[in-house]
Amino acid sequence: MTEPSVHSIRPVAAYLRLAGLSVAMLAVALVVGYWPTRAVAGPDGVTAMLLGGAIALLSALAGLIPPILSLQSRPRDFHNAMLMGMAVRFALTIALTVAAVFSGLLARRPLIVWIVIGYLVLLAVDTAGVVWLAKRSGRAGA
């Protein structure tokens, strides 16, 4: 059986697969953190936890777009797209965090803690997923 070529990886399918994995892993983190967050910060902390997870997820999903779209590009363009994806993720996370914190609608500490937790969990998941796609498309070591 031959290895899949660069052209056999469909960007939409790859994005949906990684997005589903990201949602699942974030859901696990939120379920694990529900009781500690509720015990420490109360019901307002749980609301902040959910918004923090949503901010991390939205940023992660936006950051996946550049590398997924560049799967069929030259290796140099693919590497640049991976860096662009990290920049998009970071910039969007900062912008949404600043907006959420300065809105004053939610408890700040649990919000920031859960943005960081979600960011790190999803960064690990998405990095592993993009590396897997790069290997699958024949870009390992490229």
Protein backbone atom coordinates (compact mmCIF):
# COMPACT_ATOMS: atom_id res chain seq x y z
CA MET A 1 0.00 0.00 0.00
CA THR A 2 1.42 3.36 -0.94
CA GLU A 3 1.64 6.43 1.25
CA PRO A 4 -0.96 9.10 0.55
CA SER A 5 0.34 11.91 -1.61
CA VAL A 6 0.03 15.60 -0.85
CA HIS A 7 -2.97 15.78 -3.14
CA SER A 8 -4.86 12.99 -1.34
CA ILE A 9 -5.32 15.05 1.83
CA ARG A 10 -8.49 17.10 1.59
CA PRO A 11 -8.18 20.37 3.51
CA VAL A 12 -11.81 20.46 4.68
CA ALA A 13 -11.69 16.90 5.99
CA ALA A 14 -8.36 17.53 7.71
CA TYR A 15 -9.68 20.73 9.31
CA LEU A 16 -12.85 19.06 10.53
CA ARG A 17 -10.89 16.14 11.97
CA LEU A 18 -8.52 18.43 13.88
CA ALA A 19 -11.38 20.72 14.96
CA GLY A 20 -13.30 17.74 16.33
CA LEU A 21 -10.25 16.53 18.22
CA SER A 22 -9.73 20.04 19.63
CA VAL A 23 -13.33 20.28 20.80
CA ALA A 24 -13.15 16.84 22.40
CA MET A 25 -9.92 17.54 24.27
CA LEU A 26 -11.14 20.93 25.48
CA ALA A 27 -14.37 19.30 26.67
CA VAL A 28 -12.33 16.81 28.68
CA ALA A 29 -10.32 19.64 30.26
CA LEU A 30 -13.49 21.57 31.11
CA VAL A 31 -15.17 18.52 32.65
CA VAL A 32 -12.07 17.79 34.75
CA GLY A 33 -11.87 21.41 35.86
CA TYR A 34 -15.55 21.97 36.58
CA TRP A 35 -15.64 20.99 40.27
CA PRO A 36 -12.36 22.67 41.27
CA THR A 37 -13.42 25.86 39.50
CA ARG A 38 -16.84 25.81 41.12
CA ALA A 39 -15.33 25.16 44.55
CA VAL A 40 -12.81 27.98 44.28
CA ALA A 41 -14.68 30.62 42.26
CA GLY A 42 -18.34 29.66 42.52
CA PRO A 43 -20.92 29.78 39.72
CA ASP A 44 -19.40 32.95 38.26
CA GLY A 45 -16.11 31.08 37.94
CA VAL A 46 -17.81 28.33 35.95
CA THR A 47 -19.22 30.91 33.53
CA ALA A 48 -15.76 32.43 33.20
CA MET A 49 -14.33 28.94 32.66
CA LEU A 50 -16.72 28.33 29.76
CA LEU A 51 -15.92 31.68 28.14
CA GLY A 52 -12.20 31.07 28.63
CA GLY A 53 -12.53 27.72 26.89
CA ALA A 54 -14.52 29.31 24.08
CA ILE A 55 -11.85 31.98 23.55
CA ALA A 56 -9.11 29.36 23.46
CA LEU A 57 -11.12 27.19 21.06
CA LEU A 58 -12.00 30.02 18.68
CA SER A 59 -8.36 31.09 18.56
CA ALA A 60 -7.18 27.53 18.00
CA LEU A 61 -9.64 26.92 15.17
CA ALA A 62 -8.60 30.16 13.48
CA GLY A 63 -4.93 29.23 13.89
CA LEU A 64 -5.48 25.89 12.13
CA ILE A 65 -6.63 27.53 8.91
CA PRO A 66 -3.25 28.66 7.47
CA PRO A 67 -1.40 25.33 7.81
CA ILE A 68 -4.40 23.35 6.57
CA LEU A 69 -4.77 25.54 3.49
CA SER A 70 -1.06 25.21 2.72
CA LEU A 71 -0.90 21.41 2.78
CA GLN A 72 -0.65 21.34 -0.99
CA SER A 73 1.98 24.10 -1.15
CA ARG A 74 5.77 23.93 -1.30
CA PRO A 75 7.48 22.90 1.96
CA ARG A 76 8.72 26.45 2.61
CA ASP A 77 5.23 27.86 2.20
CA PHE A 78 3.89 25.16 4.52
CA HIS A 79 6.38 26.10 7.23
CA ASN A 80 5.52 29.78 6.83
CA ALA A 81 1.84 28.91 7.12
CA MET A 82 2.50 27.02 10.36
CA LEU A 83 4.16 30.14 11.77
CA MET A 84 1.29 32.28 10.52
CA GLY A 85 -1.16 29.95 12.23
CA MET A 86 0.68 30.41 15.53
CA ALA A 87 0.64 34.18 15.08
CA VAL A 88 -3.09 34.19 14.27
CA ARG A 89 -3.81 32.04 17.32
CA PHE A 90 -1.73 34.23 19.63
CA ALA A 91 -3.06 37.57 18.32
CA LEU A 92 -6.68 36.44 18.44
CA THR A 93 -6.23 35.04 21.95
CA ILE A 94 -4.74 38.31 23.18
CA ALA A 95 -7.45 40.42 21.51
CA LEU A 96 -10.32 38.32 22.86
CA THR A 97 -8.74 38.09 26.31
CA VAL A 98 -8.33 41.86 26.55
CA ALA A 99 -11.93 42.37 25.42
CA ALA A 100 -13.29 39.81 27.90
CA VAL A 101 -11.22 41.01 30.84
CA PHE A 102 -12.00 44.69 30.34
CA SER A 103 -15.68 44.06 29.78
CA GLY A 104 -15.94 43.47 33.51
CA LEU A 105 -18.78 41.00 33.05
CA LEU A 106 -16.98 37.94 34.42
CA ALA A 107 -14.61 36.96 37.18
CA ARG A 108 -11.16 37.81 35.87
CA ARG A 109 -8.98 35.20 37.55
CA PRO A 110 -10.89 32.09 36.46
CA LEU A 111 -11.30 33.60 33.00
CA ILE A 112 -7.58 34.15 32.54
CA VAL A 113 -6.67 30.81 34.11
CA TRP A 114 -9.01 28.94 31.77
CA ILE A 115 -7.87 30.85 28.70
CA VAL A 116 -4.31 29.78 29.50
CA ILE A 117 -5.32 26.18 30.24
CA GLY A 118 -7.38 25.97 27.05
CA TYR A 119 -4.62 27.61 25.00
CA LEU A 120 -2.01 25.12 26.22
CA VAL A 121 -4.23 22.05 25.84
CA LEU A 122 -5.27 23.04 22.33
CA LEU A 123 -1.74 24.07 21.34
CA ALA A 124 -0.55 20.55 22.16
CA VAL A 125 -3.46 18.93 20.33
CA ASP A 126 -3.17 21.12 17.24
CA THR A 127 0.62 20.83 17.07
CA ALA A 128 0.37 17.05 17.16
CA GLY A 129 -2.37 17.15 14.53
CA VAL A 130 -0.45 19.42 12.15
CA VAL A 131 2.70 17.31 12.57
CA TRP A 132 0.65 14.21 11.81
CA LEU A 133 -0.75 15.87 8.67
CA ALA A 134 2.73 16.96 7.62
CA LYS A 135 4.04 13.41 7.96
CA ARG A 136 1.03 12.02 6.17
CA SER A 137 1.48 14.42 3.28
CA GLY A 138 5.14 13.50 2.90
CA ARG A 139 6.48 16.67 4.49
CA ALA A 140 8.31 15.01 7.38
CA GLY A 141 11.76 16.54 7.57
CA ALA A 142 10.93 18.96 4.76
